Amino acid sequence: MKGEDTATTPVLKVENLAVEFRTGAGLARVVDDVSFEVGAGETIGLVGESGSGKTVTCMAIPRLLPASGRIVSGSVSLAGQELTGLSEREMRAVRGRDIGVVFQEPSASLNPAFTIGHQIQAVIRRHEDVSRAQARGRAIELLQLVGIPRADLRVDAYPHEFSGGMAQRAMIAMALACSPKLLLADEPTTALDVTIQAQIIELFARLQEELGMAMVFVSHDLAVVGELANRIHVMYSSQVVEAGSRDQVLGRPEHPYSEGLLAAMPQLTDEAGRLNVIPGHASPATEYPMGCRFAERCRYTAEECRRAPVALEQVGVPGHVSRCVRRHELELRGWS
């Protein structure tokens, strides 16, 4: 952006993003007025239960929405370049080169008909003017970078010859093929067992430290997000209901939904050993209530919560915001 100080320009800036889907029941706003920034070497965590809008927010950034969905308002800029107005051809040049994406299921993202090395090389050669030999050498380096042993041999293996954890590492290698400015990780550890999950989290942390890229990490698990994110945005029913630093959101939550997510973590069982749960379920996107969208499930709900839409406002500490009208009078429990 001409005249702008690139040293202070965030890698990613999302402002007032709104996404709608066409459904049999009418238009559903599945992302509603979402804003955040991510700097180089920083991780933003998007967390919430299924249907909260976190994955759609993530996929709207590189414009990977299904045909029934579209961005209806807001701005998405990458290193100062606005993405929402680019043509599909222009976006194809951005994806893979400037934005890398790691999906939840590597088995669904990797083509079983081609070797791992072939698929990584295809990304490299699409965006860079290199020979096949150079692309192959780079693919081997990437597999080594993500911790795959004997990468010079495994580069010729097919996806079915990789375990779940190794396949996810290969997916990460592909996402990093062109040294992107931004990495989007959509539930990348959900399908993995606990031991492999911990290894992948450690891998993400190491890669970010080494490469200095910006990252958006999507998960339903606050514990996983807490391992990686500098800032956490908690989403519920298409909106951000709380955002702040990792310590603020995990240690001093200012929205009842954040408290509920923390209480539902296995580490925070009650004295009888039962896992806490948030009662009820979220309203469909075509039937959101007038007031607080969490009101029907919240144990602190008062009449004032249902009267009008609730704004996202600062809660006293700079950078910590909450969408709760009773935030000043509640003492919510954090993760100790």
Protein backbone atom coordinates (compact mmCIF):
# COMPACT_ATOMS: atom_id res chain seq x y z
CA MET A 1 0.00 0.00 0.00
CA LYS A 2 1.62 3.22 -1.17
CA GLY A 3 2.86 5.50 1.59
CA GLU A 4 2.24 2.94 4.35
CA ASP A 5 4.98 1.92 6.75
CA THR A 6 5.44 -1.75 5.88
CA ALA A 7 7.34 -2.31 9.13
CA THR A 8 4.10 -1.79 11.05
CA THR A 9 1.71 -3.29 8.50
CA PRO A 10 0.18 -6.53 9.86
CA VAL A 11 0.65 -9.61 7.71
CA LEU A 12 -3.11 -10.20 7.87
CA LYS A 13 -5.83 -7.69 8.68
CA VAL A 14 -9.46 -8.76 8.80
CA GLU A 15 -12.01 -5.99 9.34
CA ASN A 16 -15.76 -6.38 9.89
CA LEU A 17 -15.87 -9.59 7.87
CA ALA A 18 -19.33 -11.01 7.14
CA VAL A 19 -20.07 -14.23 5.23
CA GLU A 20 -23.47 -15.55 4.19
CA PHE A 21 -24.62 -18.93 2.88
CA ARG A 22 -27.68 -19.69 0.82
CA THR A 23 -29.75 -22.37 2.58
CA GLY A 24 -33.18 -23.93 2.20
CA ALA A 25 -34.34 -21.73 5.07
CA GLY A 26 -32.96 -18.54 3.51
CA LEU A 27 -29.72 -16.60 3.87
CA ALA A 28 -27.64 -17.58 6.90
CA ARG A 29 -24.97 -15.17 8.18
CA VAL A 30 -22.34 -17.60 9.41
CA VAL A 31 -19.62 -15.00 10.03
CA ASP A 32 -20.81 -11.70 11.47
CA ASP A 33 -18.59 -8.61 11.88
CA VAL A 34 -15.32 -10.41 12.66
CA SER A 35 -12.10 -8.39 12.96
CA PHE A 36 -8.51 -9.27 13.93
CA GLU A 37 -4.90 -8.69 12.94
CA VAL A 38 -1.91 -11.04 12.80
CA GLY A 39 1.70 -9.87 12.70
CA ALA A 40 4.82 -11.66 11.52
CA GLY A 41 5.75 -14.41 13.98
CA GLU A 42 2.38 -14.14 15.73
CA THR A 43 -0.41 -16.69 16.11
CA ILE A 44 -4.09 -15.85 16.43
CA GLY A 45 -6.31 -18.64 17.76
CA LEU A 46 -9.94 -18.94 16.63
CA VAL A 47 -11.79 -21.21 19.05
CA GLY A 48 -15.39 -22.31 19.51
CA GLU A 49 -17.67 -25.31 19.15
CA SER A 50 -18.83 -26.68 15.79
CA GLY A 51 -20.94 -24.15 13.92
CA SER A 52 -19.41 -21.12 15.63
CA GLY A 53 -18.02 -19.74 12.35
CA LYS A 54 -14.32 -20.22 13.01
CA THR A 55 -13.57 -22.48 10.02
CA VAL A 56 -15.62 -20.34 7.63
CA THR A 57 -13.72 -17.28 8.86
CA CYS A 58 -10.46 -19.08 8.16
CA MET A 59 -11.52 -20.29 4.71
CA ALA A 60 -12.89 -16.85 3.74
CA ILE A 61 -9.37 -15.39 3.97
CA PRO A 62 -8.02 -17.28 0.89
CA ARG A 63 -11.54 -17.28 -0.63
CA LEU A 64 -11.98 -21.05 -0.37
CA LEU A 65 -15.71 -20.89 0.37
CA PRO A 66 -18.17 -23.33 -1.22
CA ALA A 67 -20.39 -22.08 -4.05
CA SER A 68 -23.27 -21.39 -1.66
CA GLY A 69 -21.20 -18.98 0.44
CA ARG A 70 -19.91 -15.48 -0.22
CA ILE A 71 -18.26 -12.56 1.55
CA VAL A 72 -20.97 -9.90 1.80
CA SER A 73 -18.99 -7.16 3.56
CA GLY A 74 -15.73 -6.37 5.25
CA SER A 75 -12.08 -6.37 4.29
CA VAL A 76 -9.29 -8.96 4.17
CA SER A 77 -5.82 -7.62 3.44
CA LEU A 78 -2.53 -9.49 3.23
CA ALA A 79 0.58 -7.35 3.81
CA GLY A 80 -1.47 -4.33 2.78
CA GLN A 81 -3.02 -5.92 -0.34
CA GLU A 82 -6.81 -6.14 -0.34
CA LEU A 83 -7.92 -9.68 -1.27
CA THR A 84 -11.70 -9.38 -1.46
CA GLY A 85 -11.62 -7.54 -4.79
CA LEU A 86 -9.14 -9.82 -6.57
CA SER A 87 -10.27 -12.02 -9.44
CA GLU A 88 -10.19 -15.78 -9.05
CA ARG A 89 -7.13 -15.91 -11.31
CA GLU A 90 -5.34 -13.39 -9.10
CA MET A 91 -6.33 -15.32 -5.97
CA ARG A 92 -4.87 -18.54 -7.40
CA ALA A 93 -1.52 -16.77 -7.53
CA VAL A 94 -1.85 -15.78 -3.87
CA ARG A 95 -2.88 -19.20 -2.59
CA GLY A 96 0.10 -21.47 -2.06
CA ARG A 97 2.59 -18.67 -2.67
CA ASP A 98 1.61 -16.11 -0.01
CA ILE A 99 -0.96 -18.14 1.95
CA GLY A 100 -0.45 -21.76 2.97
CA VAL A 101 -3.36 -23.86 4.27
CA VAL A 102 -3.28 -26.97 6.46
CA PHE A 103 -6.62 -28.76 6.52
CA GLN A 104 -8.14 -30.98 9.21
CA GLU A 105 -8.00 -34.28 7.29
CA PRO A 106 -4.78 -34.91 5.35
CA SER A 107 -6.31 -38.07 3.89
CA ALA A 108 -8.95 -35.91 2.20
CA SER A 109 -6.47 -33.23 1.10
CA LEU A 110 -3.70 -35.41 -0.34
CA ASN A 111 -4.35 -37.02 -3.74
CA PRO A 112 -3.96 -40.81 -3.36
CA ALA A 113 -2.97 -41.15 -7.03
CA PHE A 114 0.26 -39.15 -6.72
CA THR A 115 3.32 -39.43 -4.52
CA ILE A 116 3.86 -36.99 -1.67
CA GLY A 117 6.88 -35.56 -3.47
CA HIS A 118 4.95 -35.04 -6.71
CA GLN A 119 2.26 -33.06 -4.89
CA ILE A 120 4.74 -30.81 -3.08
CA GLN A 121 6.71 -30.26 -6.30
CA ALA A 122 3.51 -29.28 -8.11
CA VAL A 123 2.94 -26.43 -5.66
CA ILE A 124 6.53 -25.23 -5.99
CA ARG A 125 6.57 -25.30 -9.80
CA ARG A 126 3.21 -23.53 -10.03
CA HIS A 127 4.58 -20.48 -8.26
CA GLU A 128 8.32 -20.59 -8.88
CA ASP A 129 10.46 -20.89 -12.03
CA VAL A 130 12.50 -23.95 -11.06
CA SER A 131 13.45 -27.23 -12.71
CA ARG A 132 11.99 -30.60 -11.74
CA ALA A 133 15.25 -31.53 -10.04
CA GLN A 134 15.27 -28.29 -8.05
CA ALA A 135 11.63 -28.79 -7.03
CA ARG A 136 12.36 -32.37 -5.95
CA GLY A 137 15.33 -31.21 -3.87
CA ARG A 138 13.15 -28.57 -2.24
CA ALA A 139 10.44 -31.18 -1.51
CA ILE A 140 13.00 -33.35 0.28
CA GLU A 141 14.19 -30.35 2.31
CA LEU A 142 10.61 -29.55 3.31
CA LEU A 143 9.94 -33.13 4.44
CA GLN A 144 13.13 -32.98 6.51
CA LEU A 145 12.01 -29.63 7.94
CA VAL A 146 8.75 -31.10 9.23
CA GLY A 147 10.50 -34.06 10.80
CA ILE A 148 9.86 -36.91 8.37
CA PRO A 149 12.75 -39.40 8.63
CA ARG A 150 14.55 -40.66 5.50
CA ALA A 151 12.95 -37.88 3.49
CA ASP A 152 15.00 -38.72 0.40
CA LEU A 153 13.16 -42.06 0.24
CA ARG A 154 9.78 -41.04 1.66
CA VAL A 155 9.43 -38.32 -0.99
CA ASP A 156 8.45 -41.09 -3.43
CA ALA A 157 5.87 -42.67 -1.11
CA TYR A 158 2.11 -42.41 -1.65
CA PRO A 159 -0.24 -40.90 0.96
CA HIS A 160 -1.57 -44.32 2.02
CA GLU A 161 1.97 -45.29 3.02
CA PHE A 162 2.05 -42.54 5.65
CA SER A 163 0.52 -42.75 9.13
CA GLY A 164 -1.95 -40.04 10.17
CA GLY A 165 0.72 -38.00 11.91
CA MET A 166 3.20 -38.35 9.04
CA ALA A 167 0.50 -37.44 6.50
CA GLN A 168 -0.26 -34.28 8.47
CA ARG A 169 3.45 -33.43 8.50
CA ALA A 170 3.48 -33.88 4.72
CA MET A 171 0.45 -31.57 4.46
CA ILE A 172 2.31 -28.96 6.49
CA ALA A 173 5.34 -29.35 4.21
CA MET A 174 3.12 -28.70 1.20
CA ALA A 175 1.63 -25.61 2.85
CA LEU A 176 5.15 -24.28 3.46
CA ALA A 177 6.40 -25.09 -0.06
CA CYS A 178 6.70 -21.46 -1.20
CA SER A 179 7.56 -19.90 2.18
CA PRO A 180 4.17 -18.18 2.65
CA LYS A 181 3.70 -15.01 4.66
CA LEU A 182 0.61 -16.53 6.32
CA LEU A 183 -0.24 -20.08 7.41
CA LEU A 184 -3.88 -21.04 8.02
CA ALA A 185 -4.27 -24.19 10.13
CA ASP A 186 -7.86 -25.47 10.29
CA GLU A 187 -8.27 -28.03 13.09
CA PRO A 188 -4.96 -29.69 12.08
CA THR A 189 -4.74 -31.95 15.15
CA THR A 190 -8.37 -33.04 15.62
CA ALA A 191 -8.08 -36.39 13.84
CA LEU A 192 -4.84 -37.36 15.61
CA ASP A 193 -4.30 -39.23 18.86
CA VAL A 194 -3.05 -37.30 21.88
CA THR A 195 0.62 -38.24 21.49
CA ILE A 196 0.78 -37.31 17.80
CA GLN A 197 -1.27 -34.19 18.50
CA ALA A 198 1.38 -32.99 20.96
CA GLN A 199 4.10 -33.62 18.37
CA ILE A 200 2.26 -31.61 15.70
CA ILE A 201 1.70 -28.70 18.11
CA GLU A 202 5.41 -28.73 18.94
CA LEU A 203 6.18 -28.80 15.21
CA PHE A 204 3.99 -25.75 14.54
CA ALA A 205 5.68 -23.84 17.37
CA ARG A 206 9.16 -24.72 16.09
CA LEU A 207 8.37 -23.88 12.47
CA GLN A 208 6.90 -20.53 13.35
CA GLU A 209 9.94 -19.63 15.44
CA GLU A 210 12.27 -20.66 12.62
CA LEU A 211 10.31 -19.12 9.73
CA GLY A 212 8.71 -16.09 11.40
CA MET A 213 5.41 -16.49 9.55
CA ALA A 214 2.02 -15.28 10.75
CA MET A 215 -0.46 -18.02 11.64
CA VAL A 216 -4.20 -18.39 12.20
CA PHE A 217 -4.88 -21.57 14.18
CA VAL A 218 -8.45 -22.88 14.31
CA SER A 219 -9.59 -25.34 16.98
CA HIS A 220 -12.48 -26.27 19.25
CA ASP A 221 -9.93 -27.08 21.97
CA LEU A 222 -8.80 -24.17 24.17
CA ALA A 223 -5.92 -26.23 25.56
CA VAL A 224 -4.47 -26.72 22.07
CA VAL A 225 -4.95 -23.06 21.16
CA GLY A 226 -3.37 -22.05 24.47
CA GLU A 227 -0.18 -23.89 23.51
CA LEU A 228 0.35 -21.79 20.38
CA ALA A 229 -1.64 -18.58 20.25
CA ASN A 230 -0.48 -15.12 21.32
CA ARG A 231 -4.07 -13.90 21.15
CA ILE A 232 -7.32 -15.87 21.29
CA HIS A 233 -10.63 -15.01 19.66
CA VAL A 234 -13.55 -16.99 21.08
CA MET A 235 -16.40 -17.38 18.57
CA TYR A 236 -20.03 -18.27 19.21
CA SER A 237 -22.91 -18.22 16.71
CA SER A 238 -20.92 -16.43 13.99
CA GLN A 239 -19.57 -13.69 16.27
CA VAL A 240 -16.43 -13.07 18.29
CA VAL A 241 -17.71 -12.98 21.88
CA GLU A 242 -14.34 -12.46 23.55
CA ALA A 243 -10.81 -11.65 22.41
CA GLY A 244 -7.60 -10.98 24.24
CA SER A 245 -4.15 -12.27 25.00
CA ARG A 246 -3.74 -15.94 25.88
CA ASP A 247 -3.33 -15.10 29.58
CA GLN A 248 -6.36 -12.80 29.59
CA VAL A 249 -8.77 -15.25 27.94
CA LEU A 250 -7.55 -18.40 29.69
CA GLY A 251 -6.77 -16.89 33.08
CA ARG A 252 -9.38 -14.12 33.38
CA PRO A 253 -12.26 -14.82 30.98
CA GLU A 254 -14.79 -12.03 30.56
CA HIS A 255 -17.57 -13.89 28.75
CA PRO A 256 -19.68 -16.76 30.15
CA TYR A 257 -19.15 -18.81 27.00
CA SER A 258 -15.37 -18.66 27.45
CA GLU A 259 -15.83 -19.75 31.05
CA GLY A 260 -18.02 -22.63 29.86
CA LEU A 261 -15.43 -23.82 27.34
CA LEU A 262 -12.72 -23.72 30.00
CA ALA A 263 -14.89 -25.60 32.49
CA ALA A 264 -15.63 -28.28 29.88
CA MET A 265 -11.95 -29.14 29.52
CA PRO A 266 -11.09 -32.55 31.05
CA GLN A 267 -8.60 -30.93 33.47
CA LEU A 268 -11.43 -29.05 35.15
CA THR A 269 -13.82 -31.72 36.37
CA ASP A 270 -15.92 -31.21 39.47
CA GLU A 271 -15.33 -33.01 42.77
CA ALA A 272 -17.31 -36.03 41.62
CA GLY A 273 -15.09 -36.38 38.55
CA ARG A 274 -17.88 -35.48 36.11
CA LEU A 275 -17.04 -33.40 33.05
CA ASN A 276 -18.80 -30.04 32.95
CA VAL A 277 -20.88 -29.32 29.85
CA ILE A 278 -22.61 -26.26 28.42
CA PRO A 279 -26.33 -27.11 28.35
CA GLY A 280 -28.48 -26.79 25.23
CA HIS A 281 -27.27 -25.96 21.75
CA ALA A 282 -26.69 -22.91 19.58
CA SER A 283 -29.53 -21.49 17.50
CA PRO A 284 -29.44 -22.05 13.72
CA ALA A 285 -27.85 -19.18 11.80
CA THR A 286 -31.26 -18.29 10.31
CA GLU A 287 -32.85 -18.01 13.78
CA TYR A 288 -30.47 -15.94 15.91
CA PRO A 289 -32.22 -14.12 18.78
CA MET A 290 -32.37 -10.33 19.02
CA GLY A 291 -30.10 -10.03 22.06
CA CYS A 292 -27.14 -12.06 23.27
CA ARG A 293 -26.88 -15.21 21.16
CA PHE A 294 -25.62 -17.19 24.14
CA ALA A 295 -28.46 -16.09 26.45
CA GLU A 296 -30.50 -19.32 26.26
CA ARG A 297 -27.53 -21.40 27.42
CA CYS A 298 -26.02 -18.97 29.91
CA ARG A 299 -26.51 -19.38 33.67
CA TYR A 300 -26.04 -15.63 34.20
CA THR A 301 -28.76 -14.47 31.79
CA ALA A 302 -30.89 -11.49 32.87
CA GLU A 303 -33.67 -9.67 31.04
CA GLU A 304 -31.25 -7.03 29.80
CA CYS A 305 -29.34 -9.72 27.90
CA ARG A 306 -32.30 -10.31 25.56
CA ARG A 307 -33.30 -6.72 24.74
CA ALA A 308 -30.90 -5.76 21.96
CA PRO A 309 -27.77 -6.87 20.10
CA VAL A 310 -24.67 -6.80 22.30
CA ALA A 311 -21.59 -4.90 21.14
CA LEU A 312 -18.00 -6.10 21.52
CA GLU A 313 -16.45 -3.71 24.04
CA GLN A 314 -13.24 -3.33 26.01
CA VAL A 315 -13.34 -4.79 29.51
CA GLY A 316 -10.73 -2.61 31.18
CA VAL A 317 -7.45 -4.10 30.02
CA PRO A 318 -6.25 -2.82 26.62
CA GLY A 319 -6.88 -5.39 23.90
CA HIS A 320 -9.30 -7.46 25.99
CA VAL A 321 -12.87 -7.24 24.64
CA SER A 322 -16.11 -9.03 25.48
CA ARG A 323 -19.66 -9.19 24.11
CA CYS A 324 -21.50 -9.40 27.46
CA VAL A 325 -23.73 -6.75 29.03
CA ARG A 326 -23.07 -8.10 32.55
CA ARG A 327 -19.29 -8.35 32.19
CA HIS A 328 -18.62 -5.69 34.86
CA GLU A 329 -20.58 -7.52 37.56
CA LEU A 330 -19.58 -11.14 36.94
CA GLU A 331 -16.60 -12.95 38.42
CA LEU A 332 -15.85 -15.73 35.99
CA ARG A 333 -13.57 -18.67 36.59
CA GLY A 334 -10.43 -19.04 34.50
CA TRP A 335 -8.09 -21.92 33.85
CA SER A 336 -5.82 -22.27 36.88
